[in-house]
Amino acid sequence: MLEIMYDVPDNVIAATASGKVSGDDYEKVLIPLVEEKLKKYDKLRLLYNLGSEFSGYEAGAMWDDAKVGFAHLTHWEKIAVVTDDEWITRAIKAFAFLIPGEVKLYGNSQLDEAKIWISQMD
């Protein structure tokens, strides 16, 4: 399941994943929000919190994650990923070079730091 966090600036999409994330979560929650924000902003920031309640992705969700990321590749200004899952950390480190924007990883205990960083004007 994906839940949107609203205590961030308007150009930031902040989502918390819990349980198993499905393709429907992306198609009904995240993708429409990305499309809506891109009508207002050329550059977006993403805070993706994969906290202790997160248990994994369904196959369709991984495909939708890749689609939304690469379809709007040049629109990501900053991405903060919050997780203690080692496989996600390794995957982010392996593919971060493909993203033109800045990517930072944070542990679950650093969610507040990630919110500060993603919200800071450069």
PDB file of N, CA and C in Angstrom:
ATOM      1  N   MET A   1       0.837  -1.176   0.000  1.00  0.00           N
ATOM      2  CA  MET A   1       0.000   0.000   0.000  1.00  0.00           C
ATOM      3  C   MET A   1       0.885   1.243   0.000  1.00  0.00           C
ATOM      4  N   LEU A   2       0.477   2.258  -0.730  1.00  0.00           N
ATOM      5  CA  LEU A   2       1.172   3.543  -0.748  1.00  0.00           C
ATOM      6  C   LEU A   2       0.279   4.610  -0.147  1.00  0.00           C
ATOM      7  N   GLU A   3       0.841   5.373   0.771  1.00  0.00           N
ATOM      8  CA  GLU A   3       0.136   6.507   1.364  1.00  0.00           C
ATOM      9  C   GLU A   3       0.930   7.768   1.079  1.00  0.00           C
ATOM     10  N   ILE A   4       0.233   8.822   0.690  1.00  0.00           N
ATOM     11  CA  ILE A   4       0.876  10.095   0.411  1.00  0.00           C
ATOM     12  C   ILE A   4       1.028  10.880   1.707  1.00  0.00           C
ATOM     13  N   MET A   5       2.198  11.487   1.880  1.00  0.00           N
ATOM     14  CA  MET A   5       2.464  12.401   2.999  1.00  0.00           C
ATOM     15  C   MET A   5       2.258  13.823   2.482  1.00  0.00           C
ATOM     16  N   TYR A   6       1.567  14.635   3.262  1.00  0.00           N
ATOM     17  CA  TYR A   6       1.250  15.983   2.810  1.00  0.00           C
ATOM     18  C   TYR A   6       2.009  17.075   3.553  1.00  0.00           C
ATOM     19  N   ASP A   7       2.902  16.728   4.448  1.00  0.00           N
ATOM     20  CA  ASP A   7       3.635  17.726   5.224  1.00  0.00           C
ATOM     21  C   ASP A   7       4.960  18.097   4.559  1.00  0.00           C
ATOM     22  N   VAL A   8       4.913  18.261   3.232  1.00  0.00           N
ATOM     23  CA  VAL A   8       6.085  18.615   2.431  1.00  0.00           C
ATOM     24  C   VAL A   8       5.692  19.727   1.455  1.00  0.00           C
ATOM     25  N   PRO A   9       6.668  20.427   0.881  1.00  0.00           N
ATOM     26  CA  PRO A   9       6.331  21.444  -0.119  1.00  0.00           C
ATOM     27  C   PRO A   9       5.570  20.852  -1.312  1.00  0.00           C
ATOM     28  N   ASP A  10       4.877  21.705  -2.047  1.00  0.00           N
ATOM     29  CA  ASP A  10       3.993  21.259  -3.124  1.00  0.00           C
ATOM     30  C   ASP A  10       4.735  20.582  -4.274  1.00  0.00           C
ATOM     31  N   ASN A  11       6.020  20.910  -4.479  1.00  0.00           N
ATOM     32  CA  ASN A  11       6.773  20.281  -5.576  1.00  0.00           C
ATOM     33  C   ASN A  11       7.401  18.945  -5.163  1.00  0.00           C
ATOM     34  N   VAL A  12       7.063  18.475  -3.963  1.00  0.00           N
ATOM     35  CA  VAL A  12       7.578  17.210  -3.454  1.00  0.00           C
ATOM     36  C   VAL A  12       6.451  16.183  -3.413  1.00  0.00           C
ATOM     37  N   ILE A  13       6.734  15.023  -3.948  1.00  0.00           N
ATOM     38  CA  ILE A  13       5.830  13.884  -3.798  1.00  0.00           C
ATOM     39  C   ILE A  13       6.451  13.008  -2.726  1.00  0.00           C
ATOM     40  N   ALA A  14       5.730  12.803  -1.653  1.00  0.00           N
ATOM     41  CA  ALA A  14       6.225  11.998  -0.540  1.00  0.00           C
ATOM     42  C   ALA A  14       5.265  10.848  -0.313  1.00  0.00           C
ATOM     43  N   ALA A  15       5.785   9.635  -0.361  1.00  0.00           N
ATOM     44  CA  ALA A  15       4.949   8.455  -0.210  1.00  0.00           C
ATOM     45  C   ALA A  15       5.586   7.486   0.776  1.00  0.00           C
ATOM     46  N   THR A  16       4.727   6.853   1.556  1.00  0.00           N
ATOM     47  CA  THR A  16       5.155   5.805   2.475  1.00  0.00           C
ATOM     48  C   THR A  16       4.570   4.483   2.007  1.00  0.00           C
ATOM     49  N   ALA A  17       5.439   3.495   1.873  1.00  0.00           N
ATOM     50  CA  ALA A  17       5.014   2.154   1.481  1.00  0.00           C
ATOM     51  C   ALA A  17       4.874   1.299   2.731  1.00  0.00           C
ATOM     52  N   SER A  18       3.785   0.543   2.783  1.00  0.00           N
ATOM     53  CA  SER A  18       3.606  -0.407   3.879  1.00  0.00           C
ATOM     54  C   SER A  18       3.004  -1.676   3.320  1.00  0.00           C
ATOM     55  N   GLY A  19       3.281  -2.789   3.974  1.00  0.00           N
ATOM     56  CA  GLY A  19       2.806  -4.063   3.470  1.00  0.00           C
ATOM     57  C   GLY A  19       3.387  -4.336   2.099  1.00  0.00           C
ATOM     58  N   LYS A  20       2.641  -5.042   1.276  1.00  0.00           N
ATOM     59  CA  LYS A  20       3.048  -5.305  -0.112  1.00  0.00           C
ATOM     60  C   LYS A  20       2.536  -4.186  -0.998  1.00  0.00           C
ATOM     61  N   VAL A  21       3.410  -3.635  -1.813  1.00  0.00           N
ATOM     62  CA  VAL A  21       3.025  -2.582  -2.750  1.00  0.00           C
ATOM     63  C   VAL A  21       2.648  -3.245  -4.073  1.00  0.00           C
ATOM     64  N   SER A  22       1.469  -2.879  -4.587  1.00  0.00           N
ATOM     65  CA  SER A  22       0.953  -3.485  -5.819  1.00  0.00           C
ATOM     66  C   SER A  22       1.025  -2.506  -6.987  1.00  0.00           C
ATOM     67  N   GLY A  23       0.807  -3.042  -8.172  1.00  0.00           N
ATOM     68  CA  GLY A  23       0.723  -2.188  -9.354  1.00  0.00           C
ATOM     69  C   GLY A  23      -0.430  -1.206  -9.243  1.00  0.00           C
ATOM     70  N   ASP A  24      -1.529  -1.629  -8.630  1.00  0.00           N
ATOM     71  CA  ASP A  24      -2.670  -0.727  -8.410  1.00  0.00           C
ATOM     72  C   ASP A  24      -2.278   0.471  -7.554  1.00  0.00           C
ATOM     73  N   ASP A  25      -1.401   0.264  -6.581  1.00  0.00           N
ATOM     74  CA  ASP A  25      -0.945   1.379  -5.748  1.00  0.00           C
ATOM     75  C   ASP A  25      -0.286   2.458  -6.603  1.00  0.00           C
ATOM     76  N   TYR A  26       0.519   2.021  -7.552  1.00  0.00           N
ATOM     77  CA  TYR A  26       1.162   2.982  -8.445  1.00  0.00           C
ATOM     78  C   TYR A  26       0.147   3.624  -9.376  1.00  0.00           C
ATOM     79  N   GLU A  27      -0.707   2.799  -9.972  1.00  0.00           N
ATOM     80  CA  GLU A  27      -1.644   3.294 -10.979  1.00  0.00           C
ATOM     81  C   GLU A  27      -2.740   4.181 -10.399  1.00  0.00           C
ATOM     82  N   LYS A  28      -3.127   3.963  -9.151  1.00  0.00           N
ATOM     83  CA  LYS A  28      -4.211   4.741  -8.556  1.00  0.00           C
ATOM     84  C   LYS A  28      -3.739   5.837  -7.617  1.00  0.00           C
ATOM     85  N   VAL A  29      -2.518   5.745  -7.115  1.00  0.00           N
ATOM     86  CA  VAL A  29      -2.032   6.718  -6.134  1.00  0.00           C
ATOM     87  C   VAL A  29      -0.872   7.537  -6.685  1.00  0.00           C
ATOM     88  N   LEU A  30       0.231   6.879  -7.018  1.00  0.00           N
ATOM     89  CA  LEU A  30       1.459   7.614  -7.334  1.00  0.00           C
ATOM     90  C   LEU A  30       1.460   8.224  -8.735  1.00  0.00           C
ATOM     91  N   ILE A  31       1.133   7.450  -9.737  1.00  0.00           N
ATOM     92  CA  ILE A  31       1.201   7.955 -11.111  1.00  0.00           C
ATOM     93  C   ILE A  31       0.262   9.144 -11.333  1.00  0.00           C
ATOM     94  N   PRO A  32      -0.997   9.108 -10.882  1.00  0.00           N
ATOM     95  CA  PRO A  32      -1.845  10.298 -11.057  1.00  0.00           C
ATOM     96  C   PRO A  32      -1.287  11.532 -10.345  1.00  0.00           C
ATOM     97  N   LEU A  33      -0.664  11.336  -9.195  1.00  0.00           N
ATOM     98  CA  LEU A  33      -0.082  12.464  -8.475  1.00  0.00           C
ATOM     99  C   LEU A  33       1.113  13.042  -9.231  1.00  0.00           C
ATOM    100  N   VAL A  34       1.949  12.186  -9.774  1.00  0.00           N
ATOM    101  CA  VAL A  34       3.079  12.652 -10.592  1.00  0.00           C
ATOM    102  C   VAL A  34       2.559  13.452 -11.780  1.00  0.00           C
ATOM    103  N   GLU A  35       1.573  12.919 -12.478  1.00  0.00           N
ATOM    104  CA  GLU A  35       1.012  13.617 -13.645  1.00  0.00           C
ATOM    105  C   GLU A  35       0.411  14.968 -13.260  1.00  0.00           C
ATOM    106  N   GLU A  36      -0.290  15.009 -12.142  1.00  0.00           N
ATOM    107  CA  GLU A  36      -0.884  16.258 -11.659  1.00  0.00           C
ATOM    108  C   GLU A  36       0.188  17.293 -11.329  1.00  0.00           C
ATOM    109  N   LYS A  37       1.232  16.869 -10.632  1.00  0.00           N
ATOM    110  CA  LYS A  37       2.301  17.796 -10.228  1.00  0.00           C
ATOM    111  C   LYS A  37       3.083  18.302 -11.431  1.00  0.00           C
ATOM    112  N   LEU A  38       3.242  17.458 -12.451  1.00  0.00           N
ATOM    113  CA  LEU A  38       3.981  17.884 -13.635  1.00  0.00           C
ATOM    114  C   LEU A  38       3.244  18.945 -14.441  1.00  0.00           C
ATOM    115  N   LYS A  39       1.958  19.127 -14.204  1.00  0.00           N
ATOM    116  CA  LYS A  39       1.222  20.221 -14.838  1.00  0.00           C
ATOM    117  C   LYS A  39       1.607  21.556 -14.219  1.00  0.00           C
ATOM    118  N   LYS A  40       2.104  21.526 -12.979  1.00  0.00           N
ATOM    119  CA  LYS A  40       2.485  22.751 -12.264  1.00  0.00           C
ATOM    120  C   LYS A  40       3.987  22.982 -12.230  1.00  0.00           C
ATOM    121  N   TYR A  41       4.758  21.915 -12.221  1.00  0.00           N
ATOM    122  CA  TYR A  41       6.205  22.020 -12.027  1.00  0.00           C
ATOM    123  C   TYR A  41       6.951  21.239 -13.100  1.00  0.00           C
ATOM    124  N   ASP A  42       8.057  21.816 -13.569  1.00  0.00           N
ATOM    125  CA  ASP A  42       8.911  21.115 -14.522  1.00  0.00           C
ATOM    126  C   ASP A  42       9.793  20.092 -13.811  1.00  0.00           C
ATOM    127  N   LYS A  43      10.189  20.415 -12.584  1.00  0.00           N
ATOM    128  CA  LYS A  43      11.047  19.534 -11.786  1.00  0.00           C
ATOM    129  C   LYS A  43      10.320  19.128 -10.516  1.00  0.00           C
ATOM    130  N   LEU A  44      10.394  17.846 -10.204  1.00  0.00           N
ATOM    131  CA  LEU A  44       9.759  17.317  -9.000  1.00  0.00           C
ATOM    132  C   LEU A  44      10.806  16.703  -8.096  1.00  0.00           C
ATOM    133  N   ARG A  45      10.425  16.573  -6.845  1.00  0.00           N
ATOM    134  CA  ARG A  45      11.247  15.884  -5.856  1.00  0.00           C
ATOM    135  C   ARG A  45      10.419  14.742  -5.296  1.00  0.00           C
ATOM    136  N   LEU A  46      11.097  13.647  -4.982  1.00  0.00           N
ATOM    137  CA  LEU A  46      10.417  12.460  -4.480  1.00  0.00           C
ATOM    138  C   LEU A  46      11.046  12.010  -3.175  1.00  0.00           C
ATOM    139  N   LEU A  47      10.203  11.820  -2.184  1.00  0.00           N
ATOM    140  CA  LEU A  47      10.602  11.193  -0.926  1.00  0.00           C
ATOM    141  C   LEU A  47       9.849   9.875  -0.858  1.00  0.00           C
ATOM    142  N   TYR A  48      10.584   8.784  -0.874  1.00  0.00           N
ATOM    143  CA  TYR A  48       9.976   7.453  -0.887  1.00  0.00           C
ATOM    144  C   TYR A  48      10.407   6.730   0.377  1.00  0.00           C
ATOM    145  N   ASN A  49       9.453   6.547   1.280  1.00  0.00           N
ATOM    146  CA  ASN A  49       9.704   5.946   2.582  1.00  0.00           C
ATOM    147  C   ASN A  49       9.297   4.470   2.565  1.00  0.00           C
ATOM    148  N   LEU A  50      10.289   3.599   2.615  1.00  0.00           N
ATOM    149  CA  LEU A  50      10.062   2.153   2.668  1.00  0.00           C
ATOM    150  C   LEU A  50      10.444   1.703   4.075  1.00  0.00           C
ATOM    151  N   GLY A  51       9.596   2.047   5.019  1.00  0.00           N
ATOM    152  CA  GLY A  51       9.893   1.832   6.431  1.00  0.00           C
ATOM    153  C   GLY A  51       9.726   0.398   6.883  1.00  0.00           C
ATOM    154  N   SER A  52       9.690   0.223   8.179  1.00  0.00           N
ATOM    155  CA  SER A  52       9.649  -1.112   8.774  1.00  0.00           C
ATOM    156  C   SER A  52       8.355  -1.858   8.450  1.00  0.00           C
ATOM    157  N   GLU A  53       7.294  -1.151   8.054  1.00  0.00           N
ATOM    158  CA  GLU A  53       6.018  -1.787   7.705  1.00  0.00           C
ATOM    159  C   GLU A  53       6.018  -2.333   6.266  1.00  0.00           C
ATOM    160  N   PHE A  54       7.016  -1.956   5.468  1.00  0.00           N
ATOM    161  CA  PHE A  54       7.111  -2.385   4.071  1.00  0.00           C
ATOM    162  C   PHE A  54       7.556  -3.838   4.011  1.00  0.00           C
ATOM    163  N   SER A  55       6.837  -4.662   3.215  1.00  0.00           N
ATOM    164  CA  SER A  55       7.206  -6.073   3.126  1.00  0.00           C
ATOM    165  C   SER A  55       7.568  -6.523   1.708  1.00  0.00           C
ATOM    166  N   GLY A  56       7.489  -5.631   0.729  1.00  0.00           N
ATOM    167  CA  GLY A  56       7.914  -5.990  -0.614  1.00  0.00           C
ATOM    168  C   GLY A  56       6.983  -5.483  -1.697  1.00  0.00           C
ATOM    169  N   TYR A  57       7.336  -5.853  -2.927  1.00  0.00           N
ATOM    170  CA  TYR A  57       6.584  -5.446  -4.110  1.00  0.00           C
ATOM    171  C   TYR A  57       5.963  -6.656  -4.785  1.00  0.00           C
ATOM    172  N   GLU A  58       4.783  -6.461  -5.345  1.00  0.00           N
ATOM    173  CA  GLU A  58       4.253  -7.422  -6.297  1.00  0.00           C
ATOM    174  C   GLU A  58       4.934  -7.138  -7.629  1.00  0.00           C
ATOM    175  N   ALA A  59       4.952  -8.107  -8.525  1.00  0.00           N
ATOM    176  CA  ALA A  59       5.652  -7.950  -9.803  1.00  0.00           C
ATOM    177  C   ALA A  59       5.173  -6.725 -10.574  1.00  0.00           C
ATOM    178  N   GLY A  60       3.876  -6.489 -10.616  1.00  0.00           N
ATOM    179  CA  GLY A  60       3.334  -5.341 -11.346  1.00  0.00           C
ATOM    180  C   GLY A  60       3.810  -4.020 -10.780  1.00  0.00           C
ATOM    181  N   ALA A  61       4.042  -3.966  -9.490  1.00  0.00           N
ATOM    182  CA  ALA A  61       4.497  -2.726  -8.859  1.00  0.00           C
ATOM    183  C   ALA A  61       5.919  -2.392  -9.300  1.00  0.00           C
ATOM    184  N   MET A  62       6.760  -3.386  -9.402  1.00  0.00           N
ATOM    185  CA  MET A  62       8.143  -3.126  -9.827  1.00  0.00           C
ATOM    186  C   MET A  62       8.165  -2.577 -11.255  1.00  0.00           C
ATOM    187  N   TRP A  63       7.308  -3.112 -12.106  1.00  0.00           N
ATOM    188  CA  TRP A  63       7.214  -2.620 -13.481  1.00  0.00           C
ATOM    189  C   TRP A  63       6.709  -1.173 -13.490  1.00  0.00           C
ATOM    190  N   ASP A  64       5.656  -0.886 -12.713  1.00  0.00           N
ATOM    191  CA  ASP A  64       5.115   0.469 -12.663  1.00  0.00           C
ATOM    192  C   ASP A  64       6.112   1.449 -12.061  1.00  0.00           C
ATOM    193  N   ASP A  65       6.890   1.010 -11.090  1.00  0.00           N
ATOM    194  CA  ASP A  65       7.928   1.854 -10.499  1.00  0.00           C
ATOM    195  C   ASP A  65       8.942   2.259 -11.563  1.00  0.00           C
ATOM    196  N   ALA A  66       9.388   1.288 -12.329  1.00  0.00           N
ATOM    197  CA  ALA A  66      10.344   1.580 -13.398  1.00  0.00           C
ATOM    198  C   ALA A  66       9.730   2.496 -14.455  1.00  0.00           C
ATOM    199  N   LYS A  67       8.477   2.241 -14.820  1.00  0.00           N
ATOM    200  CA  LYS A  67       7.807   3.067 -15.836  1.00  0.00           C
ATOM    201  C   LYS A  67       7.708   4.521 -15.408  1.00  0.00           C
ATOM    202  N   VAL A  68       7.237   4.767 -14.181  1.00  0.00           N
ATOM    203  CA  VAL A  68       7.056   6.152 -13.736  1.00  0.00           C
ATOM    204  C   VAL A  68       8.410   6.840 -13.584  1.00  0.00           C
ATOM    205  N   GLY A  69       9.400   6.111 -13.133  1.00  0.00           N
ATOM    206  CA  GLY A  69      10.728   6.700 -12.972  1.00  0.00           C
ATOM    207  C   GLY A  69      11.362   7.088 -14.292  1.00  0.00           C
ATOM    208  N   PHE A  70      11.327   6.184 -15.250  1.00  0.00           N
ATOM    209  CA  PHE A  70      11.986   6.439 -16.526  1.00  0.00           C
ATOM    210  C   PHE A  70      11.155   7.287 -17.473  1.00  0.00           C
ATOM    211  N   ALA A  71       9.839   7.244 -17.368  1.00  0.00           N
ATOM    212  CA  ALA A  71       8.992   8.068 -18.233  1.00  0.00           C
ATOM    213  C   ALA A  71       9.212   9.557 -17.957  1.00  0.00           C
ATOM    214  N   HIS A  72       9.571   9.867 -16.739  1.00  0.00           N
ATOM    215  CA  HIS A  72       9.768  11.272 -16.351  1.00  0.00           C
ATOM    216  C   HIS A  72      11.190  11.513 -15.853  1.00  0.00           C
ATOM    217  N   LEU A  73      12.125  10.798 -16.417  1.00  0.00           N
ATOM    218  CA  LEU A  73      13.503  10.785 -15.944  1.00  0.00           C
ATOM    219  C   LEU A  73      14.101  12.176 -15.755  1.00  0.00           C
ATOM    220  N   THR A  74      13.890  13.066 -16.702  1.00  0.00           N
ATOM    221  CA  THR A  74      14.511  14.389 -16.620  1.00  0.00           C
ATOM    222  C   THR A  74      13.763  15.348 -15.699  1.00  0.00           C
ATOM    223  N   HIS A  75      12.639  14.917 -15.143  1.00  0.00           N
ATOM    224  CA  HIS A  75      11.849  15.774 -14.264  1.00  0.00           C
ATOM    225  C   HIS A  75      12.162  15.577 -12.784  1.00  0.00           C
ATOM    226  N   TRP A  76      13.029  14.618 -12.442  1.00  0.00           N
ATOM    227  CA  TRP A  76      13.352  14.377 -11.034  1.00  0.00           C
ATOM    228  C   TRP A  76      14.546  15.237 -10.638  1.00  0.00           C
ATOM    229  N   GLU A  77      14.302  16.191  -9.761  1.00  0.00           N
ATOM    230  CA  GLU A  77      15.358  17.075  -9.283  1.00  0.00           C
ATOM    231  C   GLU A  77      16.120  16.449  -8.110  1.00  0.00           C
ATOM    232  N   LYS A  78      15.377  15.875  -7.181  1.00  0.00           N
ATOM    233  CA  LYS A  78      15.953  15.210  -6.008  1.00  0.00           C
ATOM    234  C   LYS A  78      15.095  13.995  -5.676  1.00  0.00           C
ATOM    235  N   ILE A  79      15.760  12.938  -5.245  1.00  0.00           N
ATOM    236  CA  ILE A  79      15.049  11.750  -4.775  1.00  0.00           C
ATOM    237  C   ILE A  79      15.691  11.305  -3.473  1.00  0.00           C
ATOM    238  N   ALA A  80      14.864  11.165  -2.443  1.00  0.00           N
ATOM    239  CA  ALA A  80      15.318  10.637  -1.158  1.00  0.00           C
ATOM    240  C   ALA A  80      14.601   9.309  -0.929  1.00  0.00           C
ATOM    241  N   VAL A  81      15.365   8.266  -0.689  1.00  0.00           N
ATOM    242  CA  VAL A  81      14.801   6.953  -0.402  1.00  0.00           C
ATOM    243  C   VAL A  81      15.149   6.609   1.041  1.00  0.00           C
ATOM    244  N   VAL A  82      14.121   6.298   1.808  1.00  0.00           N
ATOM    245  CA  VAL A  82      14.289   5.971   3.227  1.00  0.00           C
ATOM    246  C   VAL A  82      14.001   4.489   3.396  1.00  0.00           C
ATOM    247  N   THR A  83      15.028   3.732   3.795  1.00  0.00           N
ATOM    248  CA  THR A  83      14.865   2.279   3.947  1.00  0.00           C
ATOM    249  C   THR A  83      16.009   1.688   4.745  1.00  0.00           C
ATOM    250  N   ASP A  84      15.724   0.580   5.374  1.00  0.00           N
ATOM    251  CA  ASP A  84      16.764  -0.233   5.994  1.00  0.00           C
ATOM    252  C   ASP A  84      16.951  -1.541   5.232  1.00  0.00           C
ATOM    253  N   ASP A  85      16.189  -1.728   4.145  1.00  0.00           N
ATOM    254  CA  ASP A  85      16.287  -2.955   3.350  1.00  0.00           C
ATOM    255  C   ASP A  85      17.552  -2.907   2.497  1.00  0.00           C
ATOM    256  N   GLU A  86      18.440  -3.846   2.747  1.00  0.00           N
ATOM    257  CA  GLU A  86      19.737  -3.857   2.062  1.00  0.00           C
ATOM    258  C   GLU A  86      19.598  -4.034   0.556  1.00  0.00           C
ATOM    259  N   TRP A  87      18.649  -4.857   0.094  1.00  0.00           N
ATOM    260  CA  TRP A  87      18.524  -5.080  -1.344  1.00  0.00           C
ATOM    261  C   TRP A  87      18.066  -3.816  -2.062  1.00  0.00           C
ATOM    262  N   ILE A  88      17.231  -3.020  -1.406  1.00  0.00           N
ATOM    263  CA  ILE A  88      16.787  -1.761  -2.008  1.00  0.00           C
ATOM    264  C   ILE A  88      17.944  -0.772  -2.040  1.00  0.00           C
ATOM    265  N   THR A  89      18.690  -0.706  -0.959  1.00  0.00           N
ATOM    266  CA  THR A  89      19.859   0.178  -0.899  1.00  0.00           C
ATOM    267  C   THR A  89      20.838  -0.163  -2.024  1.00  0.00           C
ATOM    268  N   ARG A  90      21.112  -1.451  -2.206  1.00  0.00           N
ATOM    269  CA  ARG A  90      22.033  -1.863  -3.280  1.00  0.00           C
ATOM    270  C   ARG A  90      21.476  -1.492  -4.656  1.00  0.00           C
ATOM    271  N   ALA A  91      20.180  -1.704  -4.864  1.00  0.00           N
ATOM    272  CA  ALA A  91      19.568  -1.384  -6.158  1.00  0.00           C
ATOM    273  C   ALA A  91      19.629   0.119  -6.438  1.00  0.00           C
ATOM    274  N   ILE A  92      19.339   0.926  -5.435  1.00  0.00           N
ATOM    275  CA  ILE A  92      19.397   2.389  -5.618  1.00  0.00           C
ATOM    276  C   ILE A  92      20.817   2.814  -5.958  1.00  0.00           C
ATOM    277  N   LYS A  93      21.789   2.293  -5.235  1.00  0.00           N
ATOM    278  CA  LYS A  93      23.191   2.643  -5.508  1.00  0.00           C
ATOM    279  C   LYS A  93      23.603   2.213  -6.917  1.00  0.00           C
ATOM    280  N   ALA A  94      23.108   1.073  -7.366  1.00  0.00           N
ATOM    281  CA  ALA A  94      23.471   0.566  -8.684  1.00  0.00           C
ATOM    282  C   ALA A  94      22.884   1.394  -9.823  1.00  0.00           C
ATOM    283  N   PHE A  95      21.673   1.954  -9.618  1.00  0.00           N
ATOM    284  CA  PHE A  95      20.986   2.642 -10.711  1.00  0.00           C
ATOM    285  C   PHE A  95      20.905   4.161 -10.549  1.00  0.00           C
ATOM    286  N   ALA A  96      21.401   4.713  -9.469  1.00  0.00           N
ATOM    287  CA  ALA A  96      21.302   6.158  -9.224  1.00  0.00           C
ATOM    288  C   ALA A  96      21.984   6.979 -10.322  1.00  0.00           C
ATOM    289  N   PHE A  97      23.027   6.423 -10.922  1.00  0.00           N
ATOM    290  CA  PHE A  97      23.737   7.167 -11.964  1.00  0.00           C
ATOM    291  C   PHE A  97      22.862   7.432 -13.187  1.00  0.00           C
ATOM    292  N   LEU A  98      21.779   6.699 -13.361  1.00  0.00           N
ATOM    293  CA  LEU A  98      20.883   6.893 -14.496  1.00  0.00           C
ATOM    294  C   LEU A  98      19.964   8.097 -14.321  1.00  0.00           C
ATOM    295  N   ILE A  99      19.845   8.573 -13.109  1.00  0.00           N
ATOM    296  CA  ILE A  99      18.917   9.660 -12.798  1.00  0.00           C
ATOM    297  C   ILE A  99      19.684  10.973 -12.814  1.00  0.00           C
ATOM    298  N   PRO A 100      19.247  11.935 -13.637  1.00  0.00           N
ATOM    299  CA  PRO A 100      19.954  13.207 -13.718  1.00  0.00           C
ATOM    300  C   PRO A 100      19.936  14.002 -12.405  1.00  0.00           C
ATOM    301  N   GLY A 101      18.912  13.827 -11.589  1.00  0.00           N
ATOM    302  CA  GLY A 101      18.821  14.554 -10.329  1.00  0.00           C
ATOM    303  C   GLY A 101      19.665  13.914  -9.245  1.00  0.00           C
ATOM    304  N   GLU A 102      19.665  14.555  -8.096  1.00  0.00           N
ATOM    305  CA  GLU A 102      20.431  14.072  -6.947  1.00  0.00           C
ATOM    306  C   GLU A 102      19.641  12.995  -6.200  1.00  0.00           C
ATOM    307  N   VAL A 103      20.302  11.911  -5.841  1.00  0.00           N
ATOM    308  CA  VAL A 103      19.677  10.806  -5.127  1.00  0.00           C
ATOM    309  C   VAL A 103      20.412  10.588  -3.809  1.00  0.00           C
ATOM    310  N   LYS A 104      19.647  10.495  -2.710  1.00  0.00           N
ATOM    311  CA  LYS A 104      20.240  10.230  -1.403  1.00  0.00           C
ATOM    312  C   LYS A 104      19.481   9.115  -0.715  1.00  0.00           C
ATOM    313  N   LEU A 105      20.220   8.296   0.003  1.00  0.00           N
ATOM    314  CA  LEU A 105      19.650   7.210   0.790  1.00  0.00           C
ATOM    315  C   LEU A 105      19.685   7.562   2.265  1.00  0.00           C
ATOM    316  N   TYR A 106      18.632   7.181   2.966  1.00  0.00           N
ATOM    317  CA  TYR A 106      18.527   7.396   4.404  1.00  0.00           C
ATOM    318  C   TYR A 106      18.022   6.115   5.054  1.00  0.00           C
ATOM    319  N   GLY A 107      18.446   5.873   6.281  1.00  0.00           N
ATOM    320  CA  GLY A 107      17.913   4.764   7.053  1.00  0.00           C
ATOM    321  C   GLY A 107      16.555   5.132   7.625  1.00  0.00           C
ATOM    322  N   ASN A 108      15.808   4.136   8.081  1.00  0.00           N
ATOM    323  CA  ASN A 108      14.465   4.381   8.610  1.00  0.00           C
ATOM    324  C   ASN A 108      14.453   5.401   9.745  1.00  0.00           C
ATOM    325  N   SER A 109      15.497   5.431  10.556  1.00  0.00           N
ATOM    326  CA  SER A 109      15.539   6.378  11.671  1.00  0.00           C
ATOM    327  C   SER A 109      15.827   7.805  11.212  1.00  0.00           C
ATOM    328  N   GLN A 110      16.076   8.004   9.929  1.00  0.00           N
ATOM    329  CA  GLN A 110      16.445   9.319   9.394  1.00  0.00           C
ATOM    330  C   GLN A 110      15.347   9.958   8.541  1.00  0.00           C
ATOM    331  N   LEU A 111      14.104   9.550   8.725  1.00  0.00           N
ATOM    332  CA  LEU A 111      13.006  10.095   7.919  1.00  0.00           C
ATOM    333  C   LEU A 111      12.919  11.612   8.044  1.00  0.00           C
ATOM    334  N   ASP A 112      13.043  12.141   9.238  1.00  0.00           N
ATOM    335  CA  ASP A 112      12.976  13.601   9.412  1.00  0.00           C
ATOM    336  C   ASP A 112      14.099  14.307   8.664  1.00  0.00           C
ATOM    337  N   GLU A 113      15.295  13.742   8.670  1.00  0.00           N
ATOM    338  CA  GLU A 113      16.417  14.318   7.923  1.00  0.00           C
ATOM    339  C   GLU A 113      16.127  14.301   6.425  1.00  0.00           C
ATOM    340  N   ALA A 114      15.547  13.218   5.949  1.00  0.00           N
ATOM    341  CA  ALA A 114      15.215  13.106   4.526  1.00  0.00           C
ATOM    342  C   ALA A 114      14.186  14.165   4.137  1.00  0.00           C
ATOM    343  N   LYS A 115      13.195  14.393   5.005  1.00  0.00           N
ATOM    344  CA  LYS A 115      12.188  15.437   4.726  1.00  0.00           C
ATOM    345  C   LYS A 115      12.834  16.816   4.654  1.00  0.00           C
ATOM    346  N   ILE A 116      13.771  17.079   5.537  1.00  0.00           N
ATOM    347  CA  ILE A 116      14.466  18.382   5.527  1.00  0.00           C
ATOM    348  C   ILE A 116      15.250  18.529   4.225  1.00  0.00           C
ATOM    349  N   TRP A 117      16.012  17.513   3.868  1.00  0.00           N
ATOM    350  CA  TRP A 117      16.841  17.589   2.657  1.00  0.00           C
ATOM    351  C   TRP A 117      15.993  17.761   1.406  1.00  0.00           C
ATOM    352  N   ILE A 118      14.934  16.976   1.281  1.00  0.00           N
ATOM    353  CA  ILE A 118      14.107  17.028   0.063  1.00  0.00           C
ATOM    354  C   ILE A 118      13.379  18.351  -0.053  1.00  0.00           C
ATOM    355  N   SER A 119      13.145  19.025   1.081  1.00  0.00           N
ATOM    356  CA  SER A 119      12.398  20.282   1.092  1.00  0.00           C
ATOM    357  C   SER A 119      13.282  21.512   0.919  1.00  0.00           C
ATOM    358  N   GLN A 120      14.580  21.371   1.132  1.00  0.00           N
ATOM    359  CA  GLN A 120      15.489  22.523   1.071  1.00  0.00           C
ATOM    360  C   GLN A 120      15.587  23.063  -0.347  1.00  0.00           C
ATOM    361  N   MET A 121      15.514  24.367  -0.435  1.00  0.00           N
ATOM    362  CA  MET A 121      15.740  25.040  -1.719  1.00  0.00           C
ATOM    363  C   MET A 121      17.245  25.159  -1.918  1.00  0.00           C
ATOM    364  N   ASP A 122      17.714  24.815  -3.091  1.00  0.00           N
ATOM    365  CA  ASP A 122      19.153  24.873  -3.357  1.00  0.00           C
ATOM    366  C   ASP A 122      19.560  26.193  -3.939  1.00  0.00           C
TER     367      ASP A 122
END
